[in-house]
């Protein structure tokens, strides 16, 4: 693995529950399906995880950029919503990102520029939504 590689180890727990652990951070997120889909309803849904990654990635970019612009941000809340297709694989057709900033004497132009830079240049999660996907598998015997 190169230092440009990011990976997670995801392990099936029970029913539809999976724990995903970042290999660098060693932090774990529990994912689960709702009860009506065979899960226990005890974790974030995978599609919610994707939207939270968009918010986290863009939020980190925006805060970093605004700090460099010497903007005094005291709070940031980001709501990301996605509209899914009716047919499987029910991919997101549209994603909306709404940022709510709190701060002192925030420049609207600086905020707009920071968001544009995140979305158009820096947010790897948003850029990855257009990534080439490859798969592989291995089988092990008990």
N, C-alpha and C. Protein backbone atom coordinates (compact mmCIF):
# COMPACT_ATOMS: atom_id res chain seq x y z
N UNK A 1 0.83 -1.18 0.00
CA UNK A 1 0.00 0.00 0.00
C UNK A 1 0.88 1.25 0.00
N UNK A 2 0.50 2.23 -0.79
CA UNK A 2 1.23 3.50 -0.80
C UNK A 2 0.64 4.43 0.25
N UNK A 3 1.33 5.52 0.52
CA UNK A 3 0.78 6.47 1.49
C UNK A 3 -0.38 7.28 0.91
N UNK A 4 -0.74 7.02 -0.35
CA UNK A 4 -1.93 7.63 -0.96
C UNK A 4 -3.14 6.72 -0.83
N UNK A 5 -2.97 5.56 -0.23
CA UNK A 5 -4.04 4.59 -0.10
C UNK A 5 -4.80 4.81 1.20
N UNK A 6 -6.12 4.80 1.10
CA UNK A 6 -6.99 4.87 2.27
C UNK A 6 -7.79 3.58 2.28
N UNK A 7 -7.93 2.96 3.44
CA UNK A 7 -8.69 1.72 3.48
C UNK A 7 -9.47 1.60 4.78
N UNK A 8 -10.51 0.77 4.71
CA UNK A 8 -11.30 0.41 5.88
C UNK A 8 -11.42 -1.10 5.91
N UNK A 9 -11.48 -1.64 7.10
CA UNK A 9 -11.75 -3.07 7.30
C UNK A 9 -13.19 -3.15 7.75
N UNK A 10 -14.04 -3.81 6.98
CA UNK A 10 -15.45 -3.92 7.32
C UNK A 10 -15.78 -5.37 7.63
N UNK A 11 -16.39 -5.58 8.79
CA UNK A 11 -16.64 -6.93 9.28
C UNK A 11 -18.12 -7.12 9.56
N UNK A 12 -18.67 -8.21 9.06
CA UNK A 12 -20.06 -8.56 9.32
C UNK A 12 -20.19 -8.97 10.77
N UNK A 13 -21.18 -8.41 11.48
CA UNK A 13 -21.39 -8.70 12.89
C UNK A 13 -22.52 -9.73 13.04
N UNK A 14 -23.71 -9.37 12.61
CA UNK A 14 -24.88 -10.26 12.67
C UNK A 14 -25.97 -9.66 11.79
N UNK A 15 -26.89 -10.49 11.35
CA UNK A 15 -28.00 -10.04 10.50
C UNK A 15 -27.46 -9.12 9.40
N UNK A 16 -27.80 -7.83 9.44
CA UNK A 16 -27.33 -6.88 8.42
C UNK A 16 -26.35 -5.86 9.01
N UNK A 17 -25.79 -6.16 10.18
CA UNK A 17 -24.85 -5.24 10.83
C UNK A 17 -23.43 -5.48 10.36
N UNK A 18 -22.75 -4.38 10.10
CA UNK A 18 -21.34 -4.40 9.74
C UNK A 18 -20.62 -3.31 10.54
N UNK A 19 -19.40 -3.58 10.96
CA UNK A 19 -18.55 -2.56 11.58
C UNK A 19 -17.45 -2.22 10.60
N UNK A 20 -17.30 -0.94 10.30
CA UNK A 20 -16.25 -0.46 9.41
C UNK A 20 -15.23 0.29 10.26
N UNK A 21 -13.97 -0.13 10.20
CA UNK A 21 -12.91 0.49 10.98
C UNK A 21 -11.85 1.04 10.04
N UNK A 22 -11.55 2.33 10.19
CA UNK A 22 -10.51 2.95 9.38
C UNK A 22 -9.15 2.40 9.77
N UNK A 23 -8.35 2.00 8.79
CA UNK A 23 -7.05 1.41 9.12
C UNK A 23 -6.09 2.47 9.66
N UNK A 24 -6.23 3.71 9.26
CA UNK A 24 -5.36 4.77 9.79
C UNK A 24 -5.87 5.28 11.13
N UNK A 25 -7.16 5.58 11.21
CA UNK A 25 -7.72 6.18 12.42
C UNK A 25 -8.02 5.16 13.51
N UNK A 26 -8.29 3.93 13.11
CA UNK A 26 -8.73 2.87 14.03
C UNK A 26 -10.07 3.21 14.69
N UNK A 27 -10.84 4.10 14.09
CA UNK A 27 -12.18 4.43 14.57
C UNK A 27 -13.20 3.56 13.84
N UNK A 28 -14.27 3.20 14.54
CA UNK A 28 -15.26 2.28 13.99
C UNK A 28 -16.63 2.92 13.89
N UNK A 29 -17.32 2.60 12.79
CA UNK A 29 -18.69 3.04 12.56
C UNK A 29 -19.53 1.78 12.37
N UNK A 30 -20.65 1.69 13.08
CA UNK A 30 -21.58 0.56 12.93
C UNK A 30 -22.61 0.94 11.86
N UNK A 31 -22.76 0.06 10.88
CA UNK A 31 -23.79 0.21 9.85
C UNK A 31 -24.80 -0.90 10.02
N UNK A 32 -26.06 -0.59 9.76
CA UNK A 32 -27.12 -1.58 9.90
C UNK A 32 -28.29 -1.19 9.00
N UNK A 33 -29.10 -2.18 8.69
CA UNK A 33 -30.33 -1.95 7.93
C UNK A 33 -31.49 -1.82 8.91
N UNK A 34 -32.60 -1.24 8.46
CA UNK A 34 -33.77 -1.18 9.34
C UNK A 34 -34.35 -2.58 9.56
N UNK A 35 -35.15 -2.72 10.59
CA UNK A 35 -35.75 -4.01 10.95
C UNK A 35 -36.51 -4.60 9.77
N UNK A 36 -37.26 -3.77 9.06
CA UNK A 36 -38.07 -4.26 7.93
C UNK A 36 -37.23 -4.77 6.77
N UNK A 37 -35.93 -4.49 6.79
CA UNK A 37 -35.02 -4.99 5.75
C UNK A 37 -34.09 -6.08 6.29
N UNK A 38 -34.40 -6.61 7.46
CA UNK A 38 -33.62 -7.70 8.01
C UNK A 38 -32.54 -7.30 8.99
N UNK A 39 -32.45 -6.01 9.28
CA UNK A 39 -31.45 -5.54 10.23
C UNK A 39 -32.03 -5.40 11.63
N UNK A 40 -31.24 -4.82 12.50
CA UNK A 40 -31.69 -4.55 13.86
C UNK A 40 -31.95 -3.06 14.07
N UNK A 41 -31.65 -2.25 13.04
CA UNK A 41 -31.86 -0.80 13.15
C UNK A 41 -30.94 -0.14 14.15
N UNK A 42 -29.74 -0.71 14.33
CA UNK A 42 -28.83 -0.22 15.37
C UNK A 42 -27.56 0.41 14.81
N UNK A 43 -27.65 0.99 13.64
CA UNK A 43 -26.48 1.64 13.06
C UNK A 43 -26.88 2.56 11.94
N UNK A 44 -25.94 3.36 11.51
CA UNK A 44 -26.16 4.27 10.41
C UNK A 44 -26.29 3.46 9.11
N UNK A 45 -27.13 3.89 8.22
CA UNK A 45 -27.31 3.20 6.93
C UNK A 45 -26.12 3.53 6.02
N UNK A 46 -25.72 2.62 5.15
CA UNK A 46 -24.59 2.89 4.25
C UNK A 46 -24.75 4.17 3.41
N UNK A 47 -25.95 4.43 2.91
CA UNK A 47 -26.14 5.64 2.11
C UNK A 47 -26.05 6.90 2.97
N UNK A 48 -26.45 6.80 4.24
CA UNK A 48 -26.25 7.91 5.17
C UNK A 48 -24.76 8.12 5.43
N UNK A 49 -24.02 7.03 5.50
CA UNK A 49 -22.58 7.11 5.70
C UNK A 49 -21.93 7.88 4.56
N UNK A 50 -22.37 7.60 3.33
CA UNK A 50 -21.84 8.31 2.17
C UNK A 50 -22.11 9.81 2.28
N UNK A 51 -23.33 10.17 2.65
CA UNK A 51 -23.67 11.58 2.78
C UNK A 51 -22.89 12.24 3.92
N UNK A 52 -22.67 11.50 5.01
CA UNK A 52 -21.89 12.07 6.12
C UNK A 52 -20.44 12.28 5.69
N UNK A 53 -19.92 11.42 4.82
CA UNK A 53 -18.57 11.60 4.31
C UNK A 53 -18.47 12.87 3.46
N UNK A 54 -19.51 13.15 2.68
CA UNK A 54 -19.54 14.40 1.90
C UNK A 54 -19.47 15.58 2.85
N UNK A 55 -20.30 15.57 3.90
CA UNK A 55 -20.33 16.68 4.86
C UNK A 55 -19.00 16.83 5.58
N UNK A 56 -18.45 15.74 6.04
CA UNK A 56 -17.17 15.80 6.76
C UNK A 56 -16.04 16.31 5.90
N UNK A 57 -15.95 15.78 4.69
CA UNK A 57 -14.88 16.18 3.77
C UNK A 57 -14.98 17.66 3.41
N UNK A 58 -16.16 18.07 2.98
CA UNK A 58 -16.33 19.47 2.58
C UNK A 58 -16.21 20.39 3.79
N UNK A 59 -16.75 19.98 4.93
CA UNK A 59 -16.64 20.80 6.13
C UNK A 59 -15.20 21.05 6.54
N UNK A 60 -14.38 20.01 6.48
CA UNK A 60 -12.95 20.17 6.82
C UNK A 60 -12.27 21.11 5.85
N UNK A 61 -12.59 20.97 4.56
CA UNK A 61 -12.02 21.88 3.56
C UNK A 61 -12.41 23.32 3.86
N UNK A 62 -13.70 23.54 4.05
CA UNK A 62 -14.23 24.90 4.23
C UNK A 62 -13.64 25.55 5.48
N UNK A 63 -13.58 24.83 6.59
CA UNK A 63 -13.01 25.39 7.81
C UNK A 63 -11.54 25.74 7.59
N UNK A 64 -10.79 24.86 6.95
CA UNK A 64 -9.38 25.11 6.68
C UNK A 64 -9.19 26.35 5.82
N UNK A 65 -9.98 26.46 4.76
CA UNK A 65 -9.88 27.61 3.85
C UNK A 65 -10.26 28.89 4.57
N UNK A 66 -11.35 28.88 5.33
CA UNK A 66 -11.78 30.09 6.03
C UNK A 66 -10.78 30.50 7.11
N UNK A 67 -10.15 29.52 7.76
CA UNK A 67 -9.09 29.86 8.72
C UNK A 67 -7.95 30.59 8.02
N UNK A 68 -7.56 30.12 6.85
CA UNK A 68 -6.49 30.78 6.08
C UNK A 68 -6.90 32.17 5.63
N UNK A 69 -8.22 32.38 5.43
CA UNK A 69 -8.74 33.69 5.05
C UNK A 69 -8.98 34.57 6.28
N UNK A 70 -8.60 34.06 7.45
CA UNK A 70 -8.75 34.77 8.72
C UNK A 70 -10.20 35.14 9.04
N UNK A 71 -11.10 34.21 8.69
CA UNK A 71 -12.51 34.37 9.03
C UNK A 71 -12.73 33.70 10.39
N UNK A 72 -13.49 34.37 11.26
CA UNK A 72 -13.71 33.87 12.60
C UNK A 72 -15.01 33.05 12.66
N UNK A 73 -14.89 31.78 12.31
CA UNK A 73 -16.03 30.87 12.34
C UNK A 73 -16.13 30.29 13.75
N UNK A 74 -17.33 30.40 14.34
CA UNK A 74 -17.54 29.84 15.68
C UNK A 74 -18.42 28.60 15.64
N UNK A 75 -19.03 28.33 14.49
CA UNK A 75 -19.86 27.14 14.37
C UNK A 75 -20.17 26.84 12.92
N UNK A 76 -20.28 25.57 12.63
CA UNK A 76 -20.66 25.14 11.28
C UNK A 76 -21.48 23.87 11.40
N UNK A 77 -22.64 23.89 10.78
CA UNK A 77 -23.51 22.71 10.71
C UNK A 77 -23.79 22.47 9.23
N UNK A 78 -23.73 21.22 8.82
CA UNK A 78 -23.93 20.89 7.41
C UNK A 78 -25.00 19.82 7.31
N UNK A 79 -26.02 20.09 6.51
CA UNK A 79 -27.06 19.11 6.25
C UNK A 79 -26.91 18.66 4.80
N UNK A 80 -26.72 17.37 4.61
CA UNK A 80 -26.60 16.82 3.26
C UNK A 80 -27.78 15.89 3.04
N UNK A 81 -28.47 16.10 1.95
CA UNK A 81 -29.58 15.22 1.61
C UNK A 81 -29.41 14.75 0.18
N UNK A 82 -29.86 13.55 -0.06
CA UNK A 82 -29.72 12.98 -1.39
C UNK A 82 -31.04 12.43 -1.86
N UNK A 83 -31.31 12.61 -3.14
CA UNK A 83 -32.51 12.06 -3.76
C UNK A 83 -32.08 10.82 -4.55
N UNK A 84 -32.66 9.68 -4.18
CA UNK A 84 -32.28 8.42 -4.79
C UNK A 84 -33.20 8.03 -5.93
N UNK A 85 -32.65 7.30 -6.88
CA UNK A 85 -33.43 6.77 -7.98
C UNK A 85 -34.43 5.75 -7.45
N UNK A 86 -35.53 5.57 -8.16
CA UNK A 86 -36.55 4.60 -7.76
C UNK A 86 -36.11 3.17 -8.03
N UNK A 87 -35.29 2.97 -9.04
CA UNK A 87 -34.86 1.62 -9.44
C UNK A 87 -33.49 1.29 -8.88
N UNK A 88 -33.24 0.01 -8.64
CA UNK A 88 -31.94 -0.44 -8.15
C UNK A 88 -30.89 -0.21 -9.21
N UNK A 89 -29.72 0.26 -8.76
CA UNK A 89 -29.17 0.24 -7.42
C UNK A 89 -29.56 1.44 -6.55
N UNK A 90 -30.56 2.20 -6.96
CA UNK A 90 -31.07 3.33 -6.19
C UNK A 90 -29.98 4.33 -5.82
N UNK A 91 -29.12 4.62 -6.78
CA UNK A 91 -28.03 5.58 -6.59
C UNK A 91 -28.60 6.97 -6.37
N UNK A 92 -27.80 7.83 -5.76
CA UNK A 92 -28.20 9.22 -5.62
C UNK A 92 -28.20 9.87 -6.99
N UNK A 93 -29.31 10.52 -7.31
CA UNK A 93 -29.40 11.28 -8.55
C UNK A 93 -29.05 12.75 -8.31
N UNK A 94 -29.34 13.22 -7.10
CA UNK A 94 -29.03 14.59 -6.72
C UNK A 94 -28.62 14.59 -5.25
N UNK A 95 -27.62 15.40 -4.96
CA UNK A 95 -27.18 15.59 -3.58
C UNK A 95 -27.16 17.09 -3.32
N UNK A 96 -27.77 17.48 -2.20
CA UNK A 96 -27.81 18.89 -1.81
C UNK A 96 -27.04 19.05 -0.51
N UNK A 97 -26.16 20.04 -0.49
CA UNK A 97 -25.35 20.31 0.70
C UNK A 97 -25.69 21.72 1.18
N UNK A 98 -26.19 21.82 2.41
CA UNK A 98 -26.55 23.11 2.99
C UNK A 98 -25.65 23.37 4.20
N UNK A 99 -24.95 24.49 4.16
CA UNK A 99 -24.02 24.87 5.23
C UNK A 99 -24.66 25.97 6.06
N UNK A 100 -24.56 25.86 7.37
CA UNK A 100 -25.02 26.91 8.28
C UNK A 100 -23.82 27.35 9.11
N UNK A 101 -23.38 28.58 8.86
CA UNK A 101 -22.20 29.12 9.53
C UNK A 101 -22.61 30.04 10.66
N UNK A 102 -21.82 30.04 11.72
CA UNK A 102 -21.91 31.02 12.78
C UNK A 102 -20.52 31.64 12.91
N UNK A 103 -20.50 32.92 13.21
CA UNK A 103 -19.20 33.57 13.37
C UNK A 103 -19.33 35.06 13.54
N UNK A 104 -18.17 35.69 13.61
CA UNK A 104 -18.11 37.14 13.80
C UNK A 104 -17.61 37.79 12.52
N UNK A 105 -18.42 38.70 11.99
CA UNK A 105 -18.06 39.46 10.79
C UNK A 105 -17.63 38.56 9.64
N UNK A 106 -18.38 37.47 9.42
CA UNK A 106 -18.05 36.57 8.32
C UNK A 106 -18.33 37.25 6.99
N UNK A 107 -17.40 37.12 6.09
CA UNK A 107 -17.55 37.66 4.74
C UNK A 107 -18.31 36.66 3.88
N UNK A 108 -19.43 37.11 3.32
CA UNK A 108 -20.22 36.24 2.45
C UNK A 108 -19.40 35.78 1.25
N UNK A 109 -18.59 36.67 0.70
CA UNK A 109 -17.74 36.32 -0.44
C UNK A 109 -16.71 35.24 -0.06
N UNK A 110 -16.13 35.34 1.12
CA UNK A 110 -15.15 34.36 1.58
C UNK A 110 -15.81 32.99 1.78
N UNK A 111 -17.00 32.99 2.37
CA UNK A 111 -17.72 31.74 2.60
C UNK A 111 -18.07 31.09 1.25
N UNK A 112 -18.60 31.88 0.33
CA UNK A 112 -18.95 31.34 -0.99
C UNK A 112 -17.72 30.80 -1.71
N UNK A 113 -16.60 31.49 -1.60
CA UNK A 113 -15.36 31.04 -2.24
C UNK A 113 -14.85 29.75 -1.60
N UNK A 114 -14.91 29.65 -0.29
CA UNK A 114 -14.45 28.45 0.40
C UNK A 114 -15.29 27.23 0.00
N UNK A 115 -16.60 27.41 -0.10
CA UNK A 115 -17.47 26.31 -0.51
C UNK A 115 -17.17 25.91 -1.95
N UNK A 116 -17.03 26.88 -2.83
CA UNK A 116 -16.74 26.58 -4.24
C UNK A 116 -15.42 25.83 -4.38
N UNK A 117 -14.39 26.26 -3.64
CA UNK A 117 -13.10 25.56 -3.70
C UNK A 117 -13.22 24.12 -3.20
N UNK A 118 -13.98 23.93 -2.15
CA UNK A 118 -14.17 22.57 -1.64
C UNK A 118 -14.84 21.69 -2.68
N UNK A 119 -15.96 22.16 -3.21
CA UNK A 119 -16.76 21.36 -4.14
C UNK A 119 -16.04 21.13 -5.46
N UNK A 120 -15.37 22.15 -5.97
CA UNK A 120 -14.78 22.07 -7.31
C UNK A 120 -13.35 21.56 -7.32
N UNK A 121 -12.62 21.68 -6.20
CA UNK A 121 -11.20 21.37 -6.24
C UNK A 121 -10.72 20.41 -5.16
N UNK A 122 -11.15 20.57 -3.92
CA UNK A 122 -10.50 19.88 -2.82
C UNK A 122 -11.21 18.65 -2.26
N UNK A 123 -12.53 18.59 -2.26
CA UNK A 123 -13.23 17.50 -1.58
C UNK A 123 -13.09 16.18 -2.35
N UNK A 124 -12.25 15.32 -1.84
CA UNK A 124 -12.01 14.03 -2.48
C UNK A 124 -13.23 13.13 -2.48
N UNK A 125 -14.10 13.27 -1.48
CA UNK A 125 -15.30 12.44 -1.43
C UNK A 125 -16.22 12.79 -2.60
N UNK A 126 -16.47 14.07 -2.81
CA UNK A 126 -17.31 14.47 -3.93
C UNK A 126 -16.70 14.04 -5.26
N UNK A 127 -15.41 14.23 -5.42
CA UNK A 127 -14.74 13.83 -6.65
C UNK A 127 -14.82 12.31 -6.84
N UNK A 128 -14.79 11.56 -5.74
CA UNK A 128 -14.81 10.10 -5.80
C UNK A 128 -16.15 9.54 -6.24
N UNK A 129 -17.20 10.33 -6.14
CA UNK A 129 -18.50 9.85 -6.59
C UNK A 129 -18.50 9.59 -8.08
N UNK A 130 -17.47 10.06 -8.77
CA UNK A 130 -17.32 9.81 -10.20
C UNK A 130 -16.15 8.86 -10.48
N UNK A 131 -15.69 8.15 -9.46
CA UNK A 131 -14.50 7.31 -9.59
C UNK A 131 -14.79 6.01 -10.34
N UNK A 132 -13.74 5.46 -10.93
CA UNK A 132 -13.81 4.13 -11.52
C UNK A 132 -13.81 3.12 -10.36
N UNK A 133 -14.68 2.15 -10.44
CA UNK A 133 -14.79 1.15 -9.39
C UNK A 133 -14.28 -0.19 -9.91
N UNK A 134 -13.42 -0.84 -9.14
CA UNK A 134 -13.00 -2.19 -9.47
C UNK A 134 -13.30 -3.08 -8.27
N UNK A 135 -13.48 -4.36 -8.51
CA UNK A 135 -13.75 -5.29 -7.43
C UNK A 135 -12.85 -6.51 -7.54
N UNK A 136 -12.68 -7.18 -6.42
CA UNK A 136 -11.99 -8.47 -6.39
C UNK A 136 -12.54 -9.24 -5.20
N UNK A 137 -12.23 -10.53 -5.14
CA UNK A 137 -12.67 -11.30 -3.99
C UNK A 137 -11.73 -12.46 -3.73
N UNK A 138 -11.82 -12.98 -2.49
CA UNK A 138 -11.08 -14.16 -2.07
C UNK A 138 -12.04 -15.06 -1.32
N UNK A 139 -11.80 -16.35 -1.38
CA UNK A 139 -12.59 -17.31 -0.61
C UNK A 139 -11.68 -17.98 0.39
N UNK A 140 -12.18 -18.16 1.61
CA UNK A 140 -11.44 -18.88 2.64
C UNK A 140 -12.31 -20.02 3.15
N UNK A 141 -11.69 -21.07 3.57
CA UNK A 141 -12.40 -22.23 4.10
C UNK A 141 -12.32 -22.21 5.62
N UNK A 142 -13.43 -22.53 6.26
CA UNK A 142 -13.44 -22.62 7.73
C UNK A 142 -12.65 -23.82 8.19
